[in-house]
Amino acid sequence: MKYFKPSVLTVALASIAACAHEYYAPERPKTWQDVEDGPVAEEFARFVQGWNADTKFTVQIETAPDMEIYSMTADDVPFTFKRIENRYSLSYGGDVETIQASTFEYFAEGALQLNAVLNMPAE
């Protein structure tokens, strides 16, 4: 697995986090934390708040027509966003919780952007 720690990654993730409202209804900007209220999502939100410029990320993506799996780590702490048909889940801290499609899409987009950065050719 590749580790990537430059500020470009942090900027990419920060820009995704700053634009969370783009994934939700325009009448009231919401973040993924607004639509998720389960204990796993709440604990994951606390974990995300600790990310900074020194956080090291990895990502593995597995896709098929009826499923998508985004397995990631931040400072070696694993978490996974999964879609099986029309069911969405977050796995974090050894627990799994059903999440909204909008939350899944938000983090799937981030995983794809992260993967693109991690696979950029070295200069």
PDB file of N, CA and C in Angstrom:
ATOM      1  N   MET A   1       0.832  -1.176   0.000  1.00  0.00           N
ATOM      2  CA  MET A   1       0.000   0.000   0.000  1.00  0.00           C
ATOM      3  C   MET A   1       0.877   1.240   0.000  1.00  0.00           C
ATOM      4  N   LYS A   2       0.432   2.244  -0.711  1.00  0.00           N
ATOM      5  CA  LYS A   2       1.148   3.503  -0.747  1.00  0.00           C
ATOM      6  C   LYS A   2       0.630   4.401   0.364  1.00  0.00           C
ATOM      7  N   TYR A   3       1.525   5.150   0.960  1.00  0.00           N
ATOM      8  CA  TYR A   3       1.144   6.187   1.905  1.00  0.00           C
ATOM      9  C   TYR A   3       1.436   7.522   1.246  1.00  0.00           C
ATOM     10  N   PHE A   4       0.561   8.458   1.415  1.00  0.00           N
ATOM     11  CA  PHE A   4       0.721   9.755   0.801  1.00  0.00           C
ATOM     12  C   PHE A   4       0.443  10.799   1.854  1.00  0.00           C
ATOM     13  N   LYS A   5       1.367  11.701   2.077  1.00  0.00           N
ATOM     14  CA  LYS A   5       1.232  12.639   3.157  1.00  0.00           C
ATOM     15  C   LYS A   5       1.371  14.104   2.770  1.00  0.00           C
ATOM     16  N   PRO A   6       1.554  14.456   1.514  1.00  0.00           N
ATOM     17  CA  PRO A   6       1.738  15.875   1.216  1.00  0.00           C
ATOM     18  C   PRO A   6       0.459  16.676   1.388  1.00  0.00           C
ATOM     19  N   SER A   7       0.648  17.957   1.415  1.00  0.00           N
ATOM     20  CA  SER A   7      -0.483  18.843   1.666  1.00  0.00           C
ATOM     21  C   SER A   7      -1.522  18.804   0.555  1.00  0.00           C
ATOM     22  N   VAL A   8      -1.160  18.380  -0.666  1.00  0.00           N
ATOM     23  CA  VAL A   8      -2.146  18.314  -1.742  1.00  0.00           C
ATOM     24  C   VAL A   8      -3.281  17.360  -1.374  1.00  0.00           C
ATOM     25  N   LEU A   9      -2.963  16.270  -0.701  1.00  0.00           N
ATOM     26  CA  LEU A   9      -3.986  15.328  -0.264  1.00  0.00           C
ATOM     27  C   LEU A   9      -4.892  15.965   0.777  1.00  0.00           C
ATOM     28  N   THR A  10      -4.282  16.644   1.728  1.00  0.00           N
ATOM     29  CA  THR A  10      -5.065  17.309   2.764  1.00  0.00           C
ATOM     30  C   THR A  10      -5.975  18.359   2.145  1.00  0.00           C
ATOM     31  N   VAL A  11      -5.468  19.089   1.181  1.00  0.00           N
ATOM     32  CA  VAL A  11      -6.276  20.105   0.505  1.00  0.00           C
ATOM     33  C   VAL A  11      -7.444  19.440  -0.224  1.00  0.00           C
ATOM     34  N   ALA A  12      -7.178  18.321  -0.898  1.00  0.00           N
ATOM     35  CA  ALA A  12      -8.249  17.626  -1.617  1.00  0.00           C
ATOM     36  C   ALA A  12      -9.336  17.168  -0.658  1.00  0.00           C
ATOM     37  N   LEU A  13      -8.949  16.546   0.447  1.00  0.00           N
ATOM     38  CA  LEU A  13      -9.940  16.075   1.422  1.00  0.00           C
ATOM     39  C   LEU A  13     -10.666  17.237   2.081  1.00  0.00           C
ATOM     40  N   ALA A  14      -9.932  18.308   2.370  1.00  0.00           N
ATOM     41  CA  ALA A  14     -10.557  19.478   2.988  1.00  0.00           C
ATOM     42  C   ALA A  14     -11.574  20.109   2.046  1.00  0.00           C
ATOM     43  N   SER A  15     -11.247  20.132   0.743  1.00  0.00           N
ATOM     44  CA  SER A  15     -12.195  20.729  -0.203  1.00  0.00           C
ATOM     45  C   SER A  15     -13.461  19.896  -0.316  1.00  0.00           C
ATOM     46  N   ILE A  16     -13.311  18.576  -0.231  1.00  0.00           N
ATOM     47  CA  ILE A  16     -14.492  17.704  -0.240  1.00  0.00           C
ATOM     48  C   ILE A  16     -15.330  17.969   1.003  1.00  0.00           C
ATOM     49  N   ALA A  17     -14.671  18.029   2.152  1.00  0.00           N
ATOM     50  CA  ALA A  17     -15.387  18.261   3.409  1.00  0.00           C
ATOM     51  C   ALA A  17     -16.077  19.623   3.402  1.00  0.00           C
ATOM     52  N   ALA A  18     -15.423  20.628   2.830  1.00  0.00           N
ATOM     53  CA  ALA A  18     -15.996  21.971   2.794  1.00  0.00           C
ATOM     54  C   ALA A  18     -17.204  22.066   1.875  1.00  0.00           C
ATOM     55  N   CYS A  19     -17.302  21.156   0.921  1.00  0.00           N
ATOM     56  CA  CYS A  19     -18.401  21.199  -0.055  1.00  0.00           C
ATOM     57  C   CYS A  19     -19.435  20.113   0.204  1.00  0.00           C
ATOM     58  N   ALA A  20     -19.527  19.654   1.412  1.00  0.00           N
ATOM     59  CA  ALA A  20     -20.462  18.570   1.726  1.00  0.00           C
ATOM     60  C   ALA A  20     -21.887  18.918   1.340  1.00  0.00           C
ATOM     61  N   HIS A  21     -22.246  20.192   1.423  1.00  0.00           N
ATOM     62  CA  HIS A  21     -23.625  20.597   1.108  1.00  0.00           C
ATOM     63  C   HIS A  21     -24.011  20.311  -0.339  1.00  0.00           C
ATOM     64  N   GLU A  22     -23.035  20.130  -1.233  1.00  0.00           N
ATOM     65  CA  GLU A  22     -23.350  19.849  -2.629  1.00  0.00           C
ATOM     66  C   GLU A  22     -24.014  18.481  -2.798  1.00  0.00           C
ATOM     67  N   TYR A  23     -23.889  17.614  -1.820  1.00  0.00           N
ATOM     68  CA  TYR A  23     -24.456  16.275  -1.918  1.00  0.00           C
ATOM     69  C   TYR A  23     -25.863  16.197  -1.336  1.00  0.00           C
ATOM     70  N   TYR A  24     -26.379  17.314  -0.852  1.00  0.00           N
ATOM     71  CA  TYR A  24     -27.667  17.320  -0.185  1.00  0.00           C
ATOM     72  C   TYR A  24     -28.572  18.375  -0.813  1.00  0.00           C
ATOM     73  N   ALA A  25     -29.820  18.366  -0.404  1.00  0.00           N
ATOM     74  CA  ALA A  25     -30.821  19.274  -0.967  1.00  0.00           C
ATOM     75  C   ALA A  25     -30.375  20.734  -0.850  1.00  0.00           C
ATOM     76  N   PRO A  26     -30.579  21.521  -1.899  1.00  0.00           N
ATOM     77  CA  PRO A  26     -30.111  22.906  -1.891  1.00  0.00           C
ATOM     78  C   PRO A  26     -30.889  23.826  -0.952  1.00  0.00           C
ATOM     79  N   GLU A  27     -32.099  23.442  -0.554  1.00  0.00           N
ATOM     80  CA  GLU A  27     -32.885  24.342   0.293  1.00  0.00           C
ATOM     81  C   GLU A  27     -32.278  24.525   1.684  1.00  0.00           C
ATOM     82  N   ARG A  28     -31.527  23.556   2.157  1.00  0.00           N
ATOM     83  CA  ARG A  28     -30.850  23.685   3.441  1.00  0.00           C
ATOM     84  C   ARG A  28     -29.541  22.912   3.350  1.00  0.00           C
ATOM     85  N   PRO A  29     -28.437  23.624   3.323  1.00  0.00           N
ATOM     86  CA  PRO A  29     -27.165  22.907   3.265  1.00  0.00           C
ATOM     87  C   PRO A  29     -27.013  21.973   4.461  1.00  0.00           C
ATOM     88  N   LYS A  30     -26.696  20.726   4.177  1.00  0.00           N
ATOM     89  CA  LYS A  30     -26.510  19.729   5.215  1.00  0.00           C
ATOM     90  C   LYS A  30     -25.170  19.047   5.008  1.00  0.00           C
ATOM     91  N   THR A  31     -24.645  18.517   6.059  1.00  0.00           N
ATOM     92  CA  THR A  31     -23.450  17.696   5.958  1.00  0.00           C
ATOM     93  C   THR A  31     -23.864  16.258   6.218  1.00  0.00           C
ATOM     94  N   TRP A  32     -22.960  15.344   5.988  1.00  0.00           N
ATOM     95  CA  TRP A  32     -23.295  13.947   6.232  1.00  0.00           C
ATOM     96  C   TRP A  32     -23.614  13.715   7.703  1.00  0.00           C
ATOM     97  N   GLN A  33     -23.016  14.517   8.590  1.00  0.00           N
ATOM     98  CA  GLN A  33     -23.317  14.359  10.009  1.00  0.00           C
ATOM     99  C   GLN A  33     -24.756  14.738  10.337  1.00  0.00           C
ATOM    100  N   ASP A  34     -25.365  15.611   9.516  1.00  0.00           N
ATOM    101  CA  ASP A  34     -26.758  15.993   9.731  1.00  0.00           C
ATOM    102  C   ASP A  34     -27.728  14.856   9.445  1.00  0.00           C
ATOM    103  N   VAL A  35     -27.371  13.974   8.522  1.00  0.00           N
ATOM    104  CA  VAL A  35     -28.296  12.920   8.120  1.00  0.00           C
ATOM    105  C   VAL A  35     -28.004  11.578   8.780  1.00  0.00           C
ATOM    106  N   GLU A  36     -26.874  11.462   9.439  1.00  0.00           N
ATOM    107  CA  GLU A  36     -26.527  10.218  10.123  1.00  0.00           C
ATOM    108  C   GLU A  36     -26.623  10.421  11.629  1.00  0.00           C
ATOM    109  N   ASP A  37     -27.316   9.519  12.301  1.00  0.00           N
ATOM    110  CA  ASP A  37     -27.459   9.679  13.742  1.00  0.00           C
ATOM    111  C   ASP A  37     -27.136   8.415  14.525  1.00  0.00           C
ATOM    112  N   GLY A  38     -26.594   7.429  13.862  1.00  0.00           N
ATOM    113  CA  GLY A  38     -26.245   6.192  14.545  1.00  0.00           C
ATOM    114  C   GLY A  38     -24.939   6.305  15.307  1.00  0.00           C
ATOM    115  N   PRO A  39     -24.717   5.410  16.248  1.00  0.00           N
ATOM    116  CA  PRO A  39     -23.509   5.475  17.080  1.00  0.00           C
ATOM    117  C   PRO A  39     -22.207   5.271  16.297  1.00  0.00           C
ATOM    118  N   VAL A  40     -22.221   4.436  15.258  1.00  0.00           N
ATOM    119  CA  VAL A  40     -20.998   4.218  14.472  1.00  0.00           C
ATOM    120  C   VAL A  40     -20.651   5.494  13.714  1.00  0.00           C
ATOM    121  N   ALA A  41     -21.638   6.117  13.087  1.00  0.00           N
ATOM    122  CA  ALA A  41     -21.404   7.367  12.354  1.00  0.00           C
ATOM    123  C   ALA A  41     -20.958   8.476  13.293  1.00  0.00           C
ATOM    124  N   GLU A  42     -21.531   8.531  14.480  1.00  0.00           N
ATOM    125  CA  GLU A  42     -21.129   9.560  15.441  1.00  0.00           C
ATOM    126  C   GLU A  42     -19.682   9.365  15.880  1.00  0.00           C
ATOM    127  N   GLU A  43     -19.302   8.134  16.135  1.00  0.00           N
ATOM    128  CA  GLU A  43     -17.916   7.848  16.519  1.00  0.00           C
ATOM    129  C   GLU A  43     -16.968   8.135  15.346  1.00  0.00           C
ATOM    130  N   PHE A  44     -17.378   7.770  14.133  1.00  0.00           N
ATOM    131  CA  PHE A  44     -16.571   8.038  12.948  1.00  0.00           C
ATOM    132  C   PHE A  44     -16.410   9.546  12.743  1.00  0.00           C
ATOM    133  N   ALA A  45     -17.451  10.320  12.980  1.00  0.00           N
ATOM    134  CA  ALA A  45     -17.373  11.779  12.848  1.00  0.00           C
ATOM    135  C   ALA A  45     -16.320  12.349  13.795  1.00  0.00           C
ATOM    136  N   ARG A  46     -16.260  11.838  15.010  1.00  0.00           N
ATOM    137  CA  ARG A  46     -15.227  12.294  15.961  1.00  0.00           C
ATOM    138  C   ARG A  46     -13.832  11.945  15.438  1.00  0.00           C
ATOM    139  N   PHE A  47     -13.707  10.760  14.844  1.00  0.00           N
ATOM    140  CA  PHE A  47     -12.429  10.334  14.265  1.00  0.00           C
ATOM    141  C   PHE A  47     -12.030  11.261  13.112  1.00  0.00           C
ATOM    142  N   VAL A  48     -12.972  11.586  12.226  1.00  0.00           N
ATOM    143  CA  VAL A  48     -12.696  12.452  11.073  1.00  0.00           C
ATOM    144  C   VAL A  48     -12.237  13.836  11.535  1.00  0.00           C
ATOM    145  N   GLN A  49     -12.811  14.338  12.612  1.00  0.00           N
ATOM    146  CA  GLN A  49     -12.432  15.666  13.106  1.00  0.00           C
ATOM    147  C   GLN A  49     -10.965  15.728  13.513  1.00  0.00           C
ATOM    148  N   GLY A  50     -10.356  14.581  13.789  1.00  0.00           N
ATOM    149  CA  GLY A  50      -8.952  14.545  14.172  1.00  0.00           C
ATOM    150  C   GLY A  50      -7.981  14.507  13.001  1.00  0.00           C
ATOM    151  N   TRP A  51      -8.494  14.401  11.775  1.00  0.00           N
ATOM    152  CA  TRP A  51      -7.603  14.361  10.618  1.00  0.00           C
ATOM    153  C   TRP A  51      -6.937  15.718  10.434  1.00  0.00           C
ATOM    154  N   ASN A  52      -5.664  15.676  10.041  1.00  0.00           N
ATOM    155  CA  ASN A  52      -4.930  16.914   9.786  1.00  0.00           C
ATOM    156  C   ASN A  52      -3.906  16.679   8.676  1.00  0.00           C
ATOM    157  N   ALA A  53      -3.015  17.629   8.470  1.00  0.00           N
ATOM    158  CA  ALA A  53      -2.027  17.551   7.385  1.00  0.00           C
ATOM    159  C   ALA A  53      -1.077  16.370   7.541  1.00  0.00           C
ATOM    160  N   ASP A  54      -0.933  15.851   8.747  1.00  0.00           N
ATOM    161  CA  ASP A  54      -0.031  14.725   8.971  1.00  0.00           C
ATOM    162  C   ASP A  54      -0.709  13.366   8.881  1.00  0.00           C
ATOM    163  N   THR A  55      -2.006  13.340   8.663  1.00  0.00           N
ATOM    164  CA  THR A  55      -2.737  12.079   8.576  1.00  0.00           C
ATOM    165  C   THR A  55      -2.331  11.344   7.301  1.00  0.00           C
ATOM    166  N   LYS A  56      -2.005  10.060   7.452  1.00  0.00           N
ATOM    167  CA  LYS A  56      -1.634   9.219   6.311  1.00  0.00           C
ATOM    168  C   LYS A  56      -2.853   8.382   5.915  1.00  0.00           C
ATOM    169  N   PHE A  57      -3.170   8.374   4.624  1.00  0.00           N
ATOM    170  CA  PHE A  57      -4.339   7.675   4.109  1.00  0.00           C
ATOM    171  C   PHE A  57      -3.935   6.557   3.152  1.00  0.00           C
ATOM    172  N   THR A  58      -4.755   5.518   3.129  1.00  0.00           N
ATOM    173  CA  THR A  58      -4.683   4.495   2.085  1.00  0.00           C
ATOM    174  C   THR A  58      -6.101   4.246   1.602  1.00  0.00           C
ATOM    175  N   VAL A  59      -6.216   3.703   0.394  1.00  0.00           N
ATOM    176  CA  VAL A  59      -7.540   3.384  -0.148  1.00  0.00           C
ATOM    177  C   VAL A  59      -7.426   2.176  -1.066  1.00  0.00           C
ATOM    178  N   GLN A  60      -8.404   1.297  -0.952  1.00  0.00           N
ATOM    179  CA  GLN A  60      -8.570   0.178  -1.871  1.00  0.00           C
ATOM    180  C   GLN A  60     -10.020   0.216  -2.338  1.00  0.00           C
ATOM    181  N   ILE A  61     -10.207   0.085  -3.655  1.00  0.00           N
ATOM    182  CA  ILE A  61     -11.539   0.182  -4.243  1.00  0.00           C
ATOM    183  C   ILE A  61     -11.860  -1.111  -4.969  1.00  0.00           C
ATOM    184  N   GLU A  62     -13.039  -1.630  -4.687  1.00  0.00           N
ATOM    185  CA  GLU A  62     -13.526  -2.827  -5.362  1.00  0.00           C
ATOM    186  C   GLU A  62     -14.927  -2.517  -5.872  1.00  0.00           C
ATOM    187  N   THR A  63     -15.145  -2.712  -7.176  1.00  0.00           N
ATOM    188  CA  THR A  63     -16.456  -2.405  -7.737  1.00  0.00           C
ATOM    189  C   THR A  63     -16.942  -3.523  -8.654  1.00  0.00           C
ATOM    190  N   ALA A  64     -18.237  -3.634  -8.745  1.00  0.00           N
ATOM    191  CA  ALA A  64     -18.947  -4.532  -9.657  1.00  0.00           C
ATOM    192  C   ALA A  64     -20.293  -3.851  -9.903  1.00  0.00           C
ATOM    193  N   PRO A  65     -21.067  -4.325 -10.862  1.00  0.00           N
ATOM    194  CA  PRO A  65     -22.347  -3.652 -11.151  1.00  0.00           C
ATOM    195  C   PRO A  65     -23.272  -3.512  -9.940  1.00  0.00           C
ATOM    196  N   ASP A  66     -23.283  -4.483  -9.044  1.00  0.00           N
ATOM    197  CA  ASP A  66     -24.213  -4.418  -7.913  1.00  0.00           C
ATOM    198  C   ASP A  66     -23.551  -4.108  -6.580  1.00  0.00           C
ATOM    199  N   MET A  67     -22.258  -3.718  -6.608  1.00  0.00           N
ATOM    200  CA  MET A  67     -21.610  -3.387  -5.345  1.00  0.00           C
ATOM    201  C   MET A  67     -20.398  -2.488  -5.549  1.00  0.00           C
ATOM    202  N   GLU A  68     -20.106  -1.721  -4.499  1.00  0.00           N
ATOM    203  CA  GLU A  68     -18.908  -0.887  -4.422  1.00  0.00           C
ATOM    204  C   GLU A  68     -18.390  -0.992  -2.998  1.00  0.00           C
ATOM    205  N   ILE A  69     -17.080  -1.162  -2.864  1.00  0.00           N
ATOM    206  CA  ILE A  69     -16.462  -1.212  -1.537  1.00  0.00           C
ATOM    207  C   ILE A  69     -15.267  -0.288  -1.550  1.00  0.00           C
ATOM    208  N   TYR A  70     -15.243   0.651  -0.620  1.00  0.00           N
ATOM    209  CA  TYR A  70     -14.141   1.589  -0.451  1.00  0.00           C
ATOM    210  C   TYR A  70     -13.528   1.320   0.921  1.00  0.00           C
ATOM    211  N   SER A  71     -12.437   0.580   0.923  1.00  0.00           N
ATOM    212  CA  SER A  71     -11.737   0.251   2.166  1.00  0.00           C
ATOM    213  C   SER A  71     -10.586   1.234   2.316  1.00  0.00           C
ATOM    214  N   MET A  72     -10.587   1.963   3.409  1.00  0.00           N
ATOM    215  CA  MET A  72      -9.591   3.008   3.609  1.00  0.00           C
ATOM    216  C   MET A  72      -8.980   2.908   4.997  1.00  0.00           C
ATOM    217  N   THR A  73      -7.859   3.590   5.154  1.00  0.00           N
ATOM    218  CA  THR A  73      -7.286   3.790   6.474  1.00  0.00           C
ATOM    219  C   THR A  73      -6.872   5.248   6.596  1.00  0.00           C
ATOM    220  N   ALA A  74      -6.887   5.743   7.805  1.00  0.00           N
ATOM    221  CA  ALA A  74      -6.324   7.046   8.151  1.00  0.00           C
ATOM    222  C   ALA A  74      -5.453   6.785   9.365  1.00  0.00           C
ATOM    223  N   ASP A  75      -4.150   7.006   9.208  1.00  0.00           N
ATOM    224  CA  ASP A  75      -3.181   6.665  10.262  1.00  0.00           C
ATOM    225  C   ASP A  75      -3.366   5.228  10.736  1.00  0.00           C
ATOM    226  N   ASP A  76      -3.511   4.330   9.786  1.00  0.00           N
ATOM    227  CA  ASP A  76      -3.628   2.886  10.015  1.00  0.00           C
ATOM    228  C   ASP A  76      -4.917   2.454  10.718  1.00  0.00           C
ATOM    229  N   VAL A  77      -5.876   3.348  10.872  1.00  0.00           N
ATOM    230  CA  VAL A  77      -7.179   2.999  11.443  1.00  0.00           C
ATOM    231  C   VAL A  77      -8.119   2.705  10.274  1.00  0.00           C
ATOM    232  N   PRO A  78      -8.617   1.464  10.175  1.00  0.00           N
ATOM    233  CA  PRO A  78      -9.440   1.095   9.018  1.00  0.00           C
ATOM    234  C   PRO A  78     -10.904   1.535   9.143  1.00  0.00           C
ATOM    235  N   PHE A  79     -11.491   1.828   7.985  1.00  0.00           N
ATOM    236  CA  PHE A  79     -12.924   2.087   7.877  1.00  0.00           C
ATOM    237  C   PHE A  79     -13.331   1.760   6.444  1.00  0.00           C
ATOM    238  N   THR A  80     -14.584   1.390   6.267  1.00  0.00           N
ATOM    239  CA  THR A  80     -15.059   0.951   4.956  1.00  0.00           C
ATOM    240  C   THR A  80     -16.453   1.502   4.691  1.00  0.00           C
ATOM    241  N   PHE A  81     -16.642   1.968   3.461  1.00  0.00           N
ATOM    242  CA  PHE A  81     -17.965   2.343   2.974  1.00  0.00           C
ATOM    243  C   PHE A  81     -18.338   1.325   1.914  1.00  0.00           C
ATOM    244  N   LYS A  82     -19.542   0.771   2.038  1.00  0.00           N
ATOM    245  CA  LYS A  82     -19.938  -0.323   1.161  1.00  0.00           C
ATOM    246  C   LYS A  82     -21.354  -0.100   0.640  1.00  0.00           C
ATOM    247  N   ARG A  83     -21.507  -0.411  -0.670  1.00  0.00           N
ATOM    248  CA  ARG A  83     -22.838  -0.447  -1.278  1.00  0.00           C
ATOM    249  C   ARG A  83     -23.038  -1.841  -1.851  1.00  0.00           C
ATOM    250  N   ILE A  84     -24.096  -2.504  -1.436  1.00  0.00           N
ATOM    251  CA  ILE A  84     -24.527  -3.774  -2.014  1.00  0.00           C
ATOM    252  C   ILE A  84     -25.947  -3.524  -2.515  1.00  0.00           C
ATOM    253  N   GLU A  85     -26.096  -3.516  -3.842  1.00  0.00           N
ATOM    254  CA  GLU A  85     -27.358  -3.155  -4.490  1.00  0.00           C
ATOM    255  C   GLU A  85     -27.791  -1.777  -4.003  1.00  0.00           C
ATOM    256  N   ASN A  86     -28.898  -1.658  -3.291  1.00  0.00           N
ATOM    257  CA  ASN A  86     -29.334  -0.343  -2.813  1.00  0.00           C
ATOM    258  C   ASN A  86     -29.228  -0.200  -1.293  1.00  0.00           C
ATOM    259  N   ARG A  87     -28.300  -0.949  -0.698  1.00  0.00           N
ATOM    260  CA  ARG A  87     -28.038  -0.848   0.746  1.00  0.00           C
ATOM    261  C   ARG A  87     -26.634  -0.286   0.944  1.00  0.00           C
ATOM    262  N   TYR A  88     -26.507   0.615   1.904  1.00  0.00           N
ATOM    263  CA  TYR A  88     -25.260   1.325   2.138  1.00  0.00           C
ATOM    264  C   TYR A  88     -24.855   1.159   3.593  1.00  0.00           C
ATOM    265  N   SER A  89     -23.531   0.996   3.820  1.00  0.00           N
ATOM    266  CA  SER A  89     -23.091   0.820   5.197  1.00  0.00           C
ATOM    267  C   SER A  89     -21.723   1.444   5.423  1.00  0.00           C
ATOM    268  N   LEU A  90     -21.473   1.735   6.692  1.00  0.00           N
ATOM    269  CA  LEU A  90     -20.186   2.213   7.192  1.00  0.00           C
ATOM    270  C   LEU A  90     -19.692   1.188   8.191  1.00  0.00           C
ATOM    271  N   SER A  91     -18.451   0.765   8.031  1.00  0.00           N
ATOM    272  CA  SER A  91     -17.810  -0.117   8.995  1.00  0.00           C
ATOM    273  C   SER A  91     -16.662   0.659   9.630  1.00  0.00           C
ATOM    274  N   TYR A  92     -16.705   0.768  10.958  1.00  0.00           N
ATOM    275  CA  TYR A  92     -15.680   1.511  11.687  1.00  0.00           C
ATOM    276  C   TYR A  92     -15.628   1.003  13.125  1.00  0.00           C
ATOM    277  N   GLY A  93     -14.445   0.853  13.644  1.00  0.00           N
ATOM    278  CA  GLY A  93     -14.287   0.447  15.037  1.00  0.00           C
ATOM    279  C   GLY A  93     -14.835  -0.936  15.329  1.00  0.00           C
ATOM    280  N   GLY A  94     -14.880  -1.808  14.328  1.00  0.00           N
ATOM    281  CA  GLY A  94     -15.386  -3.159  14.525  1.00  0.00           C
ATOM    282  C   GLY A  94     -16.897  -3.288  14.439  1.00  0.00           C
ATOM    283  N   ASP A  95     -17.580  -2.190  14.169  1.00  0.00           N
ATOM    284  CA  ASP A  95     -19.039  -2.199  14.061  1.00  0.00           C
ATOM    285  C   ASP A  95     -19.468  -1.759  12.667  1.00  0.00           C
ATOM    286  N   VAL A  96     -20.647  -2.182  12.272  1.00  0.00           N
ATOM    287  CA  VAL A  96     -21.208  -1.829  10.964  1.00  0.00           C
ATOM    288  C   VAL A  96     -22.564  -1.181  11.183  1.00  0.00           C
ATOM    289  N   GLU A  97     -22.839  -0.161  10.376  1.00  0.00           N
ATOM    290  CA  GLU A  97     -24.095   0.569  10.516  1.00  0.00           C
ATOM    291  C   GLU A  97     -24.617   0.939   9.128  1.00  0.00           C
ATOM    292  N   THR A  98     -25.919   0.864   8.941  1.00  0.00           N
ATOM    293  CA  THR A  98     -26.556   1.310   7.705  1.00  0.00           C
ATOM    294  C   THR A  98     -26.486   2.832   7.649  1.00  0.00           C
ATOM    295  N   ILE A  99     -26.158   3.358   6.458  1.00  0.00           N
ATOM    296  CA  ILE A  99     -26.064   4.805   6.271  1.00  0.00           C
ATOM    297  C   ILE A  99     -26.911   5.222   5.068  1.00  0.00           C
ATOM    298  N   GLN A 100     -27.084   6.522   4.924  1.00  0.00           N
ATOM    299  CA  GLN A 100     -27.833   7.094   3.807  1.00  0.00           C
ATOM    300  C   GLN A 100     -27.005   6.989   2.519  1.00  0.00           C
ATOM    301  N   ALA A 101     -27.690   6.894   1.390  1.00  0.00           N
ATOM    302  CA  ALA A 101     -27.013   6.863   0.090  1.00  0.00           C
ATOM    303  C   ALA A 101     -26.168   8.121  -0.105  1.00  0.00           C
ATOM    304  N   SER A 102     -26.657   9.264   0.342  1.00  0.00           N
ATOM    305  CA  SER A 102     -25.919  10.525   0.174  1.00  0.00           C
ATOM    306  C   SER A 102     -24.594  10.504   0.928  1.00  0.00           C
ATOM    307  N   THR A 103     -24.574   9.896   2.100  1.00  0.00           N
ATOM    308  CA  THR A 103     -23.328   9.785   2.865  1.00  0.00           C
ATOM    309  C   THR A 103     -22.353   8.863   2.147  1.00  0.00           C
ATOM    310  N   PHE A 104     -22.866   7.757   1.651  1.00  0.00           N
ATOM    311  CA  PHE A 104     -22.016   6.837   0.899  1.00  0.00           C
ATOM    312  C   PHE A 104     -21.410   7.554  -0.303  1.00  0.00           C
ATOM    313  N   GLU A 105     -22.235   8.264  -1.079  1.00  0.00           N
ATOM    314  CA  GLU A 105     -21.758   8.954  -2.281  1.00  0.00           C
ATOM    315  C   GLU A 105     -20.701  10.004  -1.928  1.00  0.00           C
ATOM    316  N   TYR A 106     -20.898  10.700  -0.843  1.00  0.00           N
ATOM    317  CA  TYR A 106     -19.952  11.714  -0.383  1.00  0.00           C
ATOM    318  C   TYR A 106     -18.569  11.097  -0.140  1.00  0.00           C
ATOM    319  N   PHE A 107     -18.528   9.995   0.593  1.00  0.00           N
ATOM    320  CA  PHE A 107     -17.242   9.373   0.894  1.00  0.00           C
ATOM    321  C   PHE A 107     -16.694   8.569  -0.285  1.00  0.00           C
ATOM    322  N   ALA A 108     -17.554   8.034  -1.133  1.00  0.00           N
ATOM    323  CA  ALA A 108     -17.082   7.354  -2.341  1.00  0.00           C
ATOM    324  C   ALA A 108     -16.360   8.349  -3.245  1.00  0.00           C
ATOM    325  N   GLU A 109     -16.918   9.534  -3.394  1.00  0.00           N
ATOM    326  CA  GLU A 109     -16.264  10.589  -4.178  1.00  0.00           C
ATOM    327  C   GLU A 109     -14.897  10.930  -3.585  1.00  0.00           C
ATOM    328  N   GLY A 110     -14.838  11.056  -2.269  1.00  0.00           N
ATOM    329  CA  GLY A 110     -13.560  11.330  -1.605  1.00  0.00           C
ATOM    330  C   GLY A 110     -12.556  10.213  -1.817  1.00  0.00           C
ATOM    331  N   ALA A 111     -13.019   8.968  -1.750  1.00  0.00           N
ATOM    332  CA  ALA A 111     -12.130   7.822  -1.961  1.00  0.00           C
ATOM    333  C   ALA A 111     -11.586   7.803  -3.381  1.00  0.00           C
ATOM    334  N   LEU A 112     -12.436   8.127  -4.355  1.00  0.00           N
ATOM    335  CA  LEU A 112     -11.980   8.167  -5.745  1.00  0.00           C
ATOM    336  C   LEU A 112     -10.940   9.267  -5.952  1.00  0.00           C
ATOM    337  N   GLN A 113     -11.155  10.421  -5.359  1.00  0.00           N
ATOM    338  CA  GLN A 113     -10.186  11.509  -5.461  1.00  0.00           C
ATOM    339  C   GLN A 113      -8.885  11.144  -4.758  1.00  0.00           C
ATOM    340  N   LEU A 114      -8.997  10.537  -3.599  1.00  0.00           N
ATOM    341  CA  LEU A 114      -7.814  10.095  -2.861  1.00  0.00           C
ATOM    342  C   LEU A 114      -7.047   9.065  -3.669  1.00  0.00           C
ATOM    343  N   ASN A 115      -7.748   8.123  -4.255  1.00  0.00           N
ATOM    344  CA  ASN A 115      -7.110   7.089  -5.061  1.00  0.00           C
ATOM    345  C   ASN A 115      -6.363   7.710  -6.247  1.00  0.00           C
ATOM    346  N   ALA A 116      -6.959   8.713  -6.871  1.00  0.00           N
ATOM    347  CA  ALA A 116      -6.307   9.387  -7.997  1.00  0.00           C
ATOM    348  C   ALA A 116      -5.006  10.055  -7.549  1.00  0.00           C
ATOM    349  N   VAL A 117      -5.036  10.684  -6.382  1.00  0.00           N
ATOM    350  CA  VAL A 117      -3.827  11.334  -5.862  1.00  0.00           C
ATOM    351  C   VAL A 117      -2.769  10.291  -5.520  1.00  0.00           C
ATOM    352  N   LEU A 118      -3.171   9.217  -4.879  1.00  0.00           N
ATOM    353  CA  LEU A 118      -2.225   8.184  -4.479  1.00  0.00           C
ATOM    354  C   LEU A 118      -1.574   7.510  -5.695  1.00  0.00           C
ATOM    355  N   ASN A 119      -2.266   7.491  -6.810  1.00  0.00           N
ATOM    356  CA  ASN A 119      -1.749   6.819  -8.006  1.00  0.00           C
ATOM    357  C   ASN A 119      -1.146   7.770  -9.025  1.00  0.00           C
ATOM    358  N   MET A 120      -0.939   9.026  -8.626  1.00  0.00           N
ATOM    359  CA  MET A 120      -0.283   9.978  -9.516  1.00  0.00           C
ATOM    360  C   MET A 120       1.165   9.551  -9.713  1.00  0.00           C
ATOM    361  N   PRO A 121       1.683   9.674 -10.925  1.00  0.00           N
ATOM    362  CA  PRO A 121       3.082   9.334 -11.142  1.00  0.00           C
ATOM    363  C   PRO A 121       4.001  10.262 -10.341  1.00  0.00           C
ATOM    364  N   ALA A 122       5.084   9.716  -9.849  1.00  0.00           N
ATOM    365  CA  ALA A 122       6.051  10.507  -9.109  1.00  0.00           C
ATOM    366  C   ALA A 122       6.731  11.496 -10.031  1.00  0.00           C
ATOM    367  N   GLU A 123       7.000  12.679  -9.529  1.00  0.00           N
ATOM    368  CA  GLU A 123       7.654  13.698 -10.355  1.00  0.00           C
ATOM    369  C   GLU A 123       9.142  13.520 -10.346  1.00  0.00           C
TER     370      GLU A 123
END
